[in-house]
Amino acid sequence: MPKRTPAGWHRADIIAAIHKRGETLVSLAKANGYAESTLRSGLHYPIKSQHVLIAEFIGESLHAIWPQWYAPDGTQLMTRAEATKQARSLRVQKARNSRHSKAAPLTAEGVA
């Protein structure tokens, strides 16, 4: 059973589900007329055509696998551009937080 979080299936669980059915992302892409690396981008961004292919192959709904990107009826909730912007914002915020946490605390006498 794939690990399910509020953000949906983990990428490794999606790949494992494809492997359990005897295929790889590359072979699935090639069999459906895509370049070898095309479906990999679908694991990171909401690209509906790729997600439909993966979801149908696995036998799950779009919403079950990617609830952060699709409504229960399959309507796309977020575009690729919006997802990219959100991911960049989170990376910047994480980088800022890690820079601040590494700094030595200041005391009245100077750096601790």
PDB file of N, CA and C in Angstrom:
ATOM      1  N   MET A   1       0.850  -1.182   0.000  1.00  0.00           N
ATOM      2  CA  MET A   1       0.000   0.000   0.000  1.00  0.00           C
ATOM      3  C   MET A   1       0.891   1.239   0.000  1.00  0.00           C
ATOM      4  N   PRO A   2       0.726   2.145  -0.976  1.00  0.00           N
ATOM      5  CA  PRO A   2       1.552   3.340  -1.044  1.00  0.00           C
ATOM      6  C   PRO A   2       1.327   4.251   0.153  1.00  0.00           C
ATOM      7  N   LYS A   3       2.390   4.932   0.537  1.00  0.00           N
ATOM      8  CA  LYS A   3       2.289   5.903   1.618  1.00  0.00           C
ATOM      9  C   LYS A   3       1.478   7.086   1.111  1.00  0.00           C
ATOM     10  N   ARG A   4       0.429   7.414   1.830  1.00  0.00           N
ATOM     11  CA  ARG A   4      -0.421   8.530   1.424  1.00  0.00           C
ATOM     12  C   ARG A   4      -0.339   9.619   2.476  1.00  0.00           C
ATOM     13  N   THR A   5      -0.121  10.819   2.007  1.00  0.00           N
ATOM     14  CA  THR A   5      -0.043  11.984   2.884  1.00  0.00           C
ATOM     15  C   THR A   5      -1.075  12.985   2.395  1.00  0.00           C
ATOM     16  N   PRO A   6      -1.301  14.073   3.148  1.00  0.00           N
ATOM     17  CA  PRO A   6      -2.223  15.093   2.642  1.00  0.00           C
ATOM     18  C   PRO A   6      -1.783  15.631   1.288  1.00  0.00           C
ATOM     19  N   ALA A   7      -0.493  15.526   0.976  1.00  0.00           N
ATOM     20  CA  ALA A   7       0.010  15.997  -0.314  1.00  0.00           C
ATOM     21  C   ALA A   7      -0.089  14.918  -1.385  1.00  0.00           C
ATOM     22  N   GLY A   8      -0.568  13.734  -1.056  1.00  0.00           N
ATOM     23  CA  GLY A   8      -0.702  12.678  -2.041  1.00  0.00           C
ATOM     24  C   GLY A   8       0.376  11.624  -1.922  1.00  0.00           C
ATOM     25  N   TRP A   9       0.493  10.821  -2.957  1.00  0.00           N
ATOM     26  CA  TRP A   9       1.479   9.745  -2.960  1.00  0.00           C
ATOM     27  C   TRP A   9       2.884  10.309  -3.070  1.00  0.00           C
ATOM     28  N   HIS A  10       3.807   9.654  -2.450  1.00  0.00           N
ATOM     29  CA  HIS A  10       5.218  10.003  -2.601  1.00  0.00           C
ATOM     30  C   HIS A  10       5.669   9.556  -3.989  1.00  0.00           C
ATOM     31  N   ARG A  11       6.610  10.287  -4.587  1.00  0.00           N
ATOM     32  CA  ARG A  11       7.096   9.941  -5.929  1.00  0.00           C
ATOM     33  C   ARG A  11       7.608   8.511  -6.011  1.00  0.00           C
ATOM     34  N   ALA A  12       8.302   8.080  -4.966  1.00  0.00           N
ATOM     35  CA  ALA A  12       8.845   6.710  -4.957  1.00  0.00           C
ATOM     36  C   ALA A  12       7.723   5.678  -4.978  1.00  0.00           C
ATOM     37  N   ASP A  13       6.607   5.970  -4.332  1.00  0.00           N
ATOM     38  CA  ASP A  13       5.473   5.050  -4.331  1.00  0.00           C
ATOM     39  C   ASP A  13       4.815   4.967  -5.711  1.00  0.00           C
ATOM     40  N   ILE A  14       4.792   6.081  -6.419  1.00  0.00           N
ATOM     41  CA  ILE A  14       4.239   6.082  -7.780  1.00  0.00           C
ATOM     42  C   ILE A  14       5.125   5.226  -8.689  1.00  0.00           C
ATOM     43  N   ILE A  15       6.428   5.434  -8.591  1.00  0.00           N
ATOM     44  CA  ILE A  15       7.371   4.646  -9.393  1.00  0.00           C
ATOM     45  C   ILE A  15       7.268   3.169  -9.034  1.00  0.00           C
ATOM     46  N   ALA A  16       7.168   2.867  -7.741  1.00  0.00           N
ATOM     47  CA  ALA A  16       7.047   1.468  -7.306  1.00  0.00           C
ATOM     48  C   ALA A  16       5.767   0.833  -7.851  1.00  0.00           C
ATOM     49  N   ALA A  17       4.660   1.577  -7.858  1.00  0.00           N
ATOM     50  CA  ALA A  17       3.400   1.043  -8.385  1.00  0.00           C
ATOM     51  C   ALA A  17       3.522   0.732  -9.879  1.00  0.00           C
ATOM     52  N   ILE A  18       4.254   1.577 -10.600  1.00  0.00           N
ATOM     53  CA  ILE A  18       4.478   1.331 -12.033  1.00  0.00           C
ATOM     54  C   ILE A  18       5.350   0.087 -12.203  1.00  0.00           C
ATOM     55  N   HIS A  19       6.397  -0.034 -11.386  1.00  0.00           N
ATOM     56  CA  HIS A  19       7.287  -1.195 -11.462  1.00  0.00           C
ATOM     57  C   HIS A  19       6.548  -2.485 -11.114  1.00  0.00           C
ATOM     58  N   LYS A  20       5.641  -2.432 -10.146  1.00  0.00           N
ATOM     59  CA  LYS A  20       4.880  -3.628  -9.757  1.00  0.00           C
ATOM     60  C   LYS A  20       4.013  -4.140 -10.904  1.00  0.00           C
ATOM     61  N   ARG A  21       3.700  -3.248 -11.830  1.00  0.00           N
ATOM     62  CA  ARG A  21       2.897  -3.644 -12.989  1.00  0.00           C
ATOM     63  C   ARG A  21       3.784  -3.960 -14.205  1.00  0.00           C
ATOM     64  N   GLY A  22       5.081  -4.092 -13.949  1.00  0.00           N
ATOM     65  CA  GLY A  22       6.000  -4.548 -14.987  1.00  0.00           C
ATOM     66  C   GLY A  22       6.527  -3.500 -15.946  1.00  0.00           C
ATOM     67  N   GLU A  23       6.410  -2.254 -15.613  1.00  0.00           N
ATOM     68  CA  GLU A  23       6.898  -1.175 -16.485  1.00  0.00           C
ATOM     69  C   GLU A  23       7.804  -0.237 -15.688  1.00  0.00           C
ATOM     70  N   THR A  24       8.441   0.675 -16.409  1.00  0.00           N
ATOM     71  CA  THR A  24       9.214   1.757 -15.808  1.00  0.00           C
ATOM     72  C   THR A  24       8.649   3.062 -16.353  1.00  0.00           C
ATOM     73  N   LEU A  25       9.055   4.179 -15.768  1.00  0.00           N
ATOM     74  CA  LEU A  25       8.616   5.472 -16.308  1.00  0.00           C
ATOM     75  C   LEU A  25       9.058   5.609 -17.765  1.00  0.00           C
ATOM     76  N   VAL A  26      10.274   5.174 -18.048  1.00  0.00           N
ATOM     77  CA  VAL A  26      10.812   5.282 -19.406  1.00  0.00           C
ATOM     78  C   VAL A  26      10.013   4.420 -20.381  1.00  0.00           C
ATOM     79  N   SER A  27       9.774   3.155 -20.023  1.00  0.00           N
ATOM     80  CA  SER A  27       9.042   2.276 -20.943  1.00  0.00           C
ATOM     81  C   SER A  27       7.598   2.738 -21.126  1.00  0.00           C
ATOM     82  N   LEU A  28       6.993   3.250 -20.060  1.00  0.00           N
ATOM     83  CA  LEU A  28       5.626   3.765 -20.152  1.00  0.00           C
ATOM     84  C   LEU A  28       5.579   4.999 -21.052  1.00  0.00           C
ATOM     85  N   ALA A  29       6.564   5.860 -20.911  1.00  0.00           N
ATOM     86  CA  ALA A  29       6.643   7.056 -21.761  1.00  0.00           C
ATOM     87  C   ALA A  29       6.807   6.663 -23.224  1.00  0.00           C
ATOM     88  N   LYS A  30       7.776   5.793 -23.507  1.00  0.00           N
ATOM     89  CA  LYS A  30       8.032   5.373 -24.890  1.00  0.00           C
ATOM     90  C   LYS A  30       6.809   4.699 -25.508  1.00  0.00           C
ATOM     91  N   ALA A  31       6.137   3.854 -24.751  1.00  0.00           N
ATOM     92  CA  ALA A  31       4.967   3.135 -25.261  1.00  0.00           C
ATOM     93  C   ALA A  31       3.814   4.068 -25.608  1.00  0.00           C
ATOM     94  N   ASN A  32       3.848   5.271 -25.032  1.00  0.00           N
ATOM     95  CA  ASN A  32       2.763   6.221 -25.273  1.00  0.00           C
ATOM     96  C   ASN A  32       3.211   7.440 -26.075  1.00  0.00           C
ATOM     97  N   GLY A  33       4.357   7.312 -26.741  1.00  0.00           N
ATOM     98  CA  GLY A  33       4.792   8.363 -27.649  1.00  0.00           C
ATOM     99  C   GLY A  33       5.487   9.549 -27.009  1.00  0.00           C
ATOM    100  N   TYR A  34       5.921   9.416 -25.778  1.00  0.00           N
ATOM    101  CA  TYR A  34       6.643  10.491 -25.098  1.00  0.00           C
ATOM    102  C   TYR A  34       8.146  10.213 -25.131  1.00  0.00           C
ATOM    103  N   ALA A  35       8.938  11.251 -24.936  1.00  0.00           N
ATOM    104  CA  ALA A  35      10.385  11.085 -24.788  1.00  0.00           C
ATOM    105  C   ALA A  35      10.660  10.365 -23.468  1.00  0.00           C
ATOM    106  N   GLU A  36      11.841   9.768 -23.367  1.00  0.00           N
ATOM    107  CA  GLU A  36      12.188   8.949 -22.195  1.00  0.00           C
ATOM    108  C   GLU A  36      12.012   9.664 -20.863  1.00  0.00           C
ATOM    109  N   SER A  37      12.400  10.919 -20.786  1.00  0.00           N
ATOM    110  CA  SER A  37      12.380  11.626 -19.497  1.00  0.00           C
ATOM    111  C   SER A  37      11.097  12.411 -19.236  1.00  0.00           C
ATOM    112  N   THR A  38      10.157  12.354 -20.139  1.00  0.00           N
ATOM    113  CA  THR A  38       8.956  13.190 -20.032  1.00  0.00           C
ATOM    114  C   THR A  38       8.132  12.907 -18.784  1.00  0.00           C
ATOM    115  N   LEU A  39       7.882  11.648 -18.469  1.00  0.00           N
ATOM    116  CA  LEU A  39       7.006  11.341 -17.332  1.00  0.00           C
ATOM    117  C   LEU A  39       7.646  11.698 -15.989  1.00  0.00           C
ATOM    118  N   ARG A  40       8.956  11.790 -15.971  1.00  0.00           N
ATOM    119  CA  ARG A  40       9.634  12.178 -14.731  1.00  0.00           C
ATOM    120  C   ARG A  40       9.199  13.572 -14.297  1.00  0.00           C
ATOM    121  N   SER A  41       9.017  14.488 -15.251  1.00  0.00           N
ATOM    122  CA  SER A  41       8.579  15.840 -14.898  1.00  0.00           C
ATOM    123  C   SER A  41       7.169  15.828 -14.317  1.00  0.00           C
ATOM    124  N   GLY A  42       6.376  14.842 -14.715  1.00  0.00           N
ATOM    125  CA  GLY A  42       5.030  14.719 -14.165  1.00  0.00           C
ATOM    126  C   GLY A  42       5.009  14.337 -12.691  1.00  0.00           C
ATOM    127  N   LEU A  43       6.125  13.849 -12.186  1.00  0.00           N
ATOM    128  CA  LEU A  43       6.209  13.536 -10.755  1.00  0.00           C
ATOM    129  C   LEU A  43       6.454  14.788  -9.929  1.00  0.00           C
ATOM    130  N   HIS A  44       6.880  15.870 -10.582  1.00  0.00           N
ATOM    131  CA  HIS A  44       7.232  17.096  -9.867  1.00  0.00           C
ATOM    132  C   HIS A  44       6.264  18.247 -10.105  1.00  0.00           C
ATOM    133  N   TYR A  45       5.560  18.220 -11.226  1.00  0.00           N
ATOM    134  CA  TYR A  45       4.677  19.319 -11.602  1.00  0.00           C
ATOM    135  C   TYR A  45       3.333  18.779 -12.084  1.00  0.00           C
ATOM    136  N   PRO A  46       2.264  19.582 -11.943  1.00  0.00           N
ATOM    137  CA  PRO A  46       0.942  19.141 -12.404  1.00  0.00           C
ATOM    138  C   PRO A  46       0.798  19.248 -13.919  1.00  0.00           C
ATOM    139  N   ILE A  47       1.083  18.149 -14.596  1.00  0.00           N
ATOM    140  CA  ILE A  47       0.956  18.078 -16.053  1.00  0.00           C
ATOM    141  C   ILE A  47      -0.105  17.009 -16.327  1.00  0.00           C
ATOM    142  N   LYS A  48      -1.318  17.469 -16.580  1.00  0.00           N
ATOM    143  CA  LYS A  48      -2.472  16.574 -16.591  1.00  0.00           C
ATOM    144  C   LYS A  48      -2.344  15.422 -17.573  1.00  0.00           C
ATOM    145  N   SER A  49      -1.864  15.657 -18.782  1.00  0.00           N
ATOM    146  CA  SER A  49      -1.784  14.570 -19.760  1.00  0.00           C
ATOM    147  C   SER A  49      -0.897  13.441 -19.243  1.00  0.00           C
ATOM    148  N   GLN A  50       0.194  13.791 -18.596  1.00  0.00           N
ATOM    149  CA  GLN A  50       1.094  12.780 -18.041  1.00  0.00           C
ATOM    150  C   GLN A  50       0.471  12.097 -16.821  1.00  0.00           C
ATOM    151  N   HIS A  51      -0.205  12.874 -16.006  1.00  0.00           N
ATOM    152  CA  HIS A  51      -0.830  12.312 -14.819  1.00  0.00           C
ATOM    153  C   HIS A  51      -1.957  11.358 -15.163  1.00  0.00           C
ATOM    154  N   VAL A  52      -2.723  11.687 -16.180  1.00  0.00           N
ATOM    155  CA  VAL A  52      -3.808  10.792 -16.617  1.00  0.00           C
ATOM    156  C   VAL A  52      -3.220   9.452 -17.045  1.00  0.00           C
ATOM    157  N   LEU A  53      -2.145   9.503 -17.811  1.00  0.00           N
ATOM    158  CA  LEU A  53      -1.484   8.274 -18.270  1.00  0.00           C
ATOM    159  C   LEU A  53      -1.008   7.433 -17.078  1.00  0.00           C
ATOM    160  N   ILE A  54      -0.334   8.065 -16.137  1.00  0.00           N
ATOM    161  CA  ILE A  54       0.179   7.347 -14.958  1.00  0.00           C
ATOM    162  C   ILE A  54      -0.969   6.801 -14.114  1.00  0.00           C
ATOM    163  N   ALA A  55      -1.963   7.637 -13.838  1.00  0.00           N
ATOM    164  CA  ALA A  55      -3.088   7.224 -12.986  1.00  0.00           C
ATOM    165  C   ALA A  55      -3.862   6.061 -13.608  1.00  0.00           C
ATOM    166  N   GLU A  56      -4.113   6.118 -14.901  1.00  0.00           N
ATOM    167  CA  GLU A  56      -4.824   5.019 -15.565  1.00  0.00           C
ATOM    168  C   GLU A  56      -4.002   3.739 -15.529  1.00  0.00           C
ATOM    169  N   PHE A  57      -2.696   3.859 -15.715  1.00  0.00           N
ATOM    170  CA  PHE A  57      -1.843   2.676 -15.681  1.00  0.00           C
ATOM    171  C   PHE A  57      -1.825   2.050 -14.293  1.00  0.00           C
ATOM    172  N   ILE A  58      -1.780   2.899 -13.258  1.00  0.00           N
ATOM    173  CA  ILE A  58      -1.758   2.403 -11.876  1.00  0.00           C
ATOM    174  C   ILE A  58      -3.148   1.928 -11.449  1.00  0.00           C
ATOM    175  N   GLY A  59      -4.179   2.529 -12.018  1.00  0.00           N
ATOM    176  CA  GLY A  59      -5.546   2.163 -11.648  1.00  0.00           C
ATOM    177  C   GLY A  59      -6.096   2.986 -10.495  1.00  0.00           C
ATOM    178  N   GLU A  60      -5.624   4.210 -10.379  1.00  0.00           N
ATOM    179  CA  GLU A  60      -6.084   5.129  -9.330  1.00  0.00           C
ATOM    180  C   GLU A  60      -6.591   6.410  -9.975  1.00  0.00           C
ATOM    181  N   SER A  61      -7.339   7.202  -9.205  1.00  0.00           N
ATOM    182  CA  SER A  61      -7.804   8.490  -9.712  1.00  0.00           C
ATOM    183  C   SER A  61      -6.703   9.534  -9.561  1.00  0.00           C
ATOM    184  N   LEU A  62      -6.820  10.598 -10.341  1.00  0.00           N
ATOM    185  CA  LEU A  62      -5.867  11.697 -10.228  1.00  0.00           C
ATOM    186  C   LEU A  62      -5.852  12.254  -8.813  1.00  0.00           C
ATOM    187  N   HIS A  63      -7.036  12.423  -8.247  1.00  0.00           N
ATOM    188  CA  HIS A  63      -7.155  12.990  -6.899  1.00  0.00           C
ATOM    189  C   HIS A  63      -6.530  12.077  -5.841  1.00  0.00           C
ATOM    190  N   ALA A  64      -6.644  10.776  -6.007  1.00  0.00           N
ATOM    191  CA  ALA A  64      -6.069   9.848  -5.031  1.00  0.00           C
ATOM    192  C   ALA A  64      -4.550   9.958  -4.995  1.00  0.00           C
ATOM    193  N   ILE A  65      -3.934  10.157  -6.148  1.00  0.00           N
ATOM    194  CA  ILE A  65      -2.480  10.231  -6.219  1.00  0.00           C
ATOM    195  C   ILE A  65      -1.977  11.646  -5.943  1.00  0.00           C
ATOM    196  N   TRP A  66      -2.634  12.644  -6.511  1.00  0.00           N
ATOM    197  CA  TRP A  66      -2.190  14.043  -6.393  1.00  0.00           C
ATOM    198  C   TRP A  66      -3.329  14.936  -5.898  1.00  0.00           C
ATOM    199  N   PRO A  67      -3.785  14.792  -4.642  1.00  0.00           N
ATOM    200  CA  PRO A  67      -4.903  15.613  -4.162  1.00  0.00           C
ATOM    201  C   PRO A  67      -4.583  17.105  -4.086  1.00  0.00           C
ATOM    202  N   GLN A  68      -3.299  17.444  -4.031  1.00  0.00           N
ATOM    203  CA  GLN A  68      -2.912  18.858  -3.993  1.00  0.00           C
ATOM    204  C   GLN A  68      -3.083  19.517  -5.358  1.00  0.00           C
ATOM    205  N   TRP A  69      -3.195  18.723  -6.434  1.00  0.00           N
ATOM    206  CA  TRP A  69      -3.279  19.269  -7.784  1.00  0.00           C
ATOM    207  C   TRP A  69      -4.607  18.995  -8.476  1.00  0.00           C
ATOM    208  N   TYR A  70      -5.394  18.024  -7.971  1.00  0.00           N
ATOM    209  CA  TYR A  70      -6.652  17.657  -8.643  1.00  0.00           C
ATOM    210  C   TYR A  70      -7.783  17.502  -7.642  1.00  0.00           C
ATOM    211  N   ALA A  71      -8.973  17.980  -8.028  1.00  0.00           N
ATOM    212  CA  ALA A  71     -10.183  17.814  -7.225  1.00  0.00           C
ATOM    213  C   ALA A  71     -10.678  16.368  -7.406  1.00  0.00           C
ATOM    214  N   PRO A  72     -11.581  15.925  -6.528  1.00  0.00           N
ATOM    215  CA  PRO A  72     -12.114  14.563  -6.661  1.00  0.00           C
ATOM    216  C   PRO A  72     -12.728  14.270  -8.038  1.00  0.00           C
ATOM    217  N   ASP A  73     -13.251  15.294  -8.704  1.00  0.00           N
ATOM    218  CA  ASP A  73     -13.835  15.082 -10.036  1.00  0.00           C
ATOM    219  C   ASP A  73     -12.790  15.130 -11.149  1.00  0.00           C
ATOM    220  N   GLY A  74     -11.503  15.317 -10.806  1.00  0.00           N
ATOM    221  CA  GLY A  74     -10.431  15.341 -11.792  1.00  0.00           C
ATOM    222  C   GLY A  74     -10.087  16.717 -12.323  1.00  0.00           C
ATOM    223  N   THR A  75     -10.795  17.743 -11.856  1.00  0.00           N
ATOM    224  CA  THR A  75     -10.506  19.106 -12.275  1.00  0.00           C
ATOM    225  C   THR A  75      -9.138  19.524 -11.742  1.00  0.00           C
ATOM    226  N   GLN A  76      -8.332  20.139 -12.586  1.00  0.00           N
ATOM    227  CA  GLN A  76      -7.001  20.575 -12.174  1.00  0.00           C
ATOM    228  C   GLN A  76      -7.129  21.811 -11.298  1.00  0.00           C
ATOM    229  N   LEU A  77      -6.502  21.771 -10.112  1.00  0.00           N
ATOM    230  CA  LEU A  77      -6.590  22.856  -9.142  1.00  0.00           C
ATOM    231  C   LEU A  77      -5.461  23.866  -9.290  1.00  0.00           C
ATOM    232  N   MET A  78      -4.338  23.432  -9.856  1.00  0.00           N
ATOM    233  CA  MET A  78      -3.170  24.285  -9.941  1.00  0.00           C
ATOM    234  C   MET A  78      -2.464  24.045 -11.275  1.00  0.00           C
ATOM    235  N   THR A  79      -2.053  25.134 -11.920  1.00  0.00           N
ATOM    236  CA  THR A  79      -1.305  24.997 -13.164  1.00  0.00           C
ATOM    237  C   THR A  79       0.160  24.712 -12.861  1.00  0.00           C
ATOM    238  N   ARG A  80       0.887  24.310 -13.888  1.00  0.00           N
ATOM    239  CA  ARG A  80       2.321  24.061 -13.716  1.00  0.00           C
ATOM    240  C   ARG A  80       3.033  25.341 -13.286  1.00  0.00           C
ATOM    241  N   ALA A  81       2.656  26.481 -13.871  1.00  0.00           N
ATOM    242  CA  ALA A  81       3.287  27.755 -13.525  1.00  0.00           C
ATOM    243  C   ALA A  81       3.050  28.090 -12.050  1.00  0.00           C
ATOM    244  N   GLU A  82       1.830  27.865 -11.567  1.00  0.00           N
ATOM    245  CA  GLU A  82       1.527  28.132 -10.154  1.00  0.00           C
ATOM    246  C   GLU A  82       2.310  27.195  -9.242  1.00  0.00           C
ATOM    247  N   ALA A  83       2.419  25.930  -9.628  1.00  0.00           N
ATOM    248  CA  ALA A  83       3.166  24.962  -8.818  1.00  0.00           C
ATOM    249  C   ALA A  83       4.640  25.308  -8.783  1.00  0.00           C
ATOM    250  N   THR A  84       5.187  25.756  -9.913  1.00  0.00           N
ATOM    251  CA  THR A  84       6.594  26.149  -9.968  1.00  0.00           C
ATOM    252  C   THR A  84       6.840  27.351  -9.072  1.00  0.00           C
ATOM    253  N   LYS A  85       5.958  28.322  -9.140  1.00  0.00           N
ATOM    254  CA  LYS A  85       6.091  29.527  -8.307  1.00  0.00           C
ATOM    255  C   LYS A  85       6.024  29.160  -6.822  1.00  0.00           C
ATOM    256  N   GLN A  86       5.095  28.281  -6.475  1.00  0.00           N
ATOM    257  CA  GLN A  86       4.949  27.852  -5.085  1.00  0.00           C
ATOM    258  C   GLN A  86       6.201  27.104  -4.611  1.00  0.00           C
ATOM    259  N   ALA A  87       6.735  26.216  -5.453  1.00  0.00           N
ATOM    260  CA  ALA A  87       7.928  25.446  -5.094  1.00  0.00           C
ATOM    261  C   ALA A  87       9.128  26.364  -4.905  1.00  0.00           C
ATOM    262  N   ARG A  88       9.288  27.331  -5.778  1.00  0.00           N
ATOM    263  CA  ARG A  88      10.403  28.285  -5.649  1.00  0.00           C
ATOM    264  C   ARG A  88      10.283  29.082  -4.368  1.00  0.00           C
ATOM    265  N   SER A  89       9.082  29.520  -4.070  1.00  0.00           N
ATOM    266  CA  SER A  89       8.850  30.290  -2.850  1.00  0.00           C
ATOM    267  C   SER A  89       9.218  29.480  -1.614  1.00  0.00           C
ATOM    268  N   LEU A  90       8.836  28.197  -1.608  1.00  0.00           N
ATOM    269  CA  LEU A  90       9.168  27.331  -0.477  1.00  0.00           C
ATOM    270  C   LEU A  90      10.669  27.106  -0.360  1.00  0.00           C
ATOM    271  N   ARG A  91      11.353  26.938  -1.506  1.00  0.00           N
ATOM    272  CA  ARG A  91      12.806  26.758  -1.485  1.00  0.00           C
ATOM    273  C   ARG A  91      13.507  27.993  -0.947  1.00  0.00           C
ATOM    274  N   VAL A  92      13.071  29.182  -1.361  1.00  0.00           N
ATOM    275  CA  VAL A  92      13.669  30.433  -0.888  1.00  0.00           C
ATOM    276  C   VAL A  92      13.456  30.573   0.613  1.00  0.00           C
ATOM    277  N   GLN A  93      12.236  30.287   1.060  1.00  0.00           N
ATOM    278  CA  GLN A  93      11.928  30.387   2.480  1.00  0.00           C
ATOM    279  C   GLN A  93      12.776  29.398   3.293  1.00  0.00           C
ATOM    280  N   LYS A  94      12.929  28.191   2.788  1.00  0.00           N
ATOM    281  CA  LYS A  94      13.728  27.184   3.473  1.00  0.00           C
ATOM    282  C   LYS A  94      15.199  27.609   3.536  1.00  0.00           C
ATOM    283  N   ALA A  95      15.705  28.169   2.449  1.00  0.00           N
ATOM    284  CA  ALA A  95      17.092  28.636   2.417  1.00  0.00           C
ATOM    285  C   ALA A  95      17.310  29.771   3.411  1.00  0.00           C
ATOM    286  N   ARG A  96      16.370  30.680   3.478  1.00  0.00           N
ATOM    287  CA  ARG A  96      16.483  31.791   4.443  1.00  0.00           C
ATOM    288  C   ARG A  96      16.489  31.270   5.867  1.00  0.00           C
ATOM    289  N   ASN A  97      15.595  30.339   6.143  1.00  0.00           N
ATOM    290  CA  ASN A  97      15.518  29.782   7.496  1.00  0.00           C
ATOM    291  C   ASN A  97      16.795  29.039   7.869  1.00  0.00           C
ATOM    292  N   SER A  98      17.381  28.305   6.932  1.00  0.00           N
ATOM    293  CA  SER A  98      18.593  27.554   7.242  1.00  0.00           C
ATOM    294  C   SER A  98      19.780  28.488   7.439  1.00  0.00           C
ATOM    295  N   ARG A  99      19.839  29.590   6.715  1.00  0.00           N
ATOM    296  CA  ARG A  99      20.915  30.569   6.907  1.00  0.00           C
ATOM    297  C   ARG A  99      20.837  31.197   8.285  1.00  0.00           C
ATOM    298  N   HIS A 100      19.619  31.518   8.722  1.00  0.00           N
ATOM    299  CA  HIS A 100      19.447  32.161  10.017  1.00  0.00           C
ATOM    300  C   HIS A 100      19.716  31.197  11.163  1.00  0.00           C
ATOM    301  N   SER A 101      19.390  29.950  10.993  1.00  0.00           N
ATOM    302  CA  SER A 101      19.571  28.994  12.086  1.00  0.00           C
ATOM    303  C   SER A 101      21.033  28.613  12.282  1.00  0.00           C
ATOM    304  N   LYS A 102      21.886  28.801  11.269  1.00  0.00           N
ATOM    305  CA  LYS A 102      23.300  28.449  11.375  1.00  0.00           C
ATOM    306  C   LYS A 102      24.119  29.548  12.046  1.00  0.00           C
ATOM    307  N   ALA A 103      23.594  30.758  12.102  1.00  0.00           N
ATOM    308  CA  ALA A 103      24.331  31.859  12.697  1.00  0.00           C
ATOM    309  C   ALA A 103      24.434  31.689  14.205  1.00  0.00           C
ATOM    310  N   ALA A 104      25.595  32.027  14.733  1.00  0.00           N
ATOM    311  CA  ALA A 104      25.790  31.941  16.191  1.00  0.00           C
ATOM    312  C   ALA A 104      24.976  33.042  16.867  1.00  0.00           C
ATOM    313  N   PRO A 105      24.365  32.732  17.993  1.00  0.00           N
ATOM    314  CA  PRO A 105      23.565  33.757  18.680  1.00  0.00           C
ATOM    315  C   PRO A 105      24.464  34.850  19.257  1.00  0.00           C
ATOM    316  N   LEU A 106      23.956  36.059  19.241  1.00  0.00           N
ATOM    317  CA  LEU A 106      24.689  37.190  19.800  1.00  0.00           C
ATOM    318  C   LEU A 106      24.355  37.348  21.274  1.00  0.00           C
ATOM    319  N   THR A 107      25.357  37.707  22.036  1.00  0.00           N
ATOM    320  CA  THR A 107      25.159  37.982  23.470  1.00  0.00           C
ATOM    321  C   THR A 107      25.670  39.378  23.730  1.00  0.00           C
ATOM    322  N   ALA A 108      25.526  39.861  24.960  1.00  0.00           N
ATOM    323  CA  ALA A 108      26.009  41.195  25.319  1.00  0.00           C
ATOM    324  C   ALA A 108      27.525  41.283  25.136  1.00  0.00           C
ATOM    325  N   GLU A 109      28.234  40.160  25.278  1.00  0.00           N
ATOM    326  CA  GLU A 109      29.683  40.165  25.138  1.00  0.00           C
ATOM    327  C   GLU A 109      30.134  39.948  23.692  1.00  0.00           C
ATOM    328  N   GLY A 110      29.240  39.611  22.809  1.00  0.00           N
ATOM    329  CA  GLY A 110      29.579  39.330  21.422  1.00  0.00           C
ATOM    330  C   GLY A 110      28.970  38.023  20.977  1.00  0.00           C
ATOM    331  N   VAL A 111      29.652  37.352  20.086  1.00  0.00           N
ATOM    332  CA  VAL A 111      29.156  36.083  19.571  1.00  0.00           C
ATOM    333  C   VAL A 111      29.390  34.998  20.588  1.00  0.00           C
ATOM    334  N   ALA A 112      28.373  34.173  20.802  1.00  0.00           N
ATOM    335  CA  ALA A 112      28.478  33.087  21.797  1.00  0.00           C
ATOM    336  C   ALA A 112      29.326  31.961  21.318  1.00  0.00           C
TER     337      ALA A 112
END
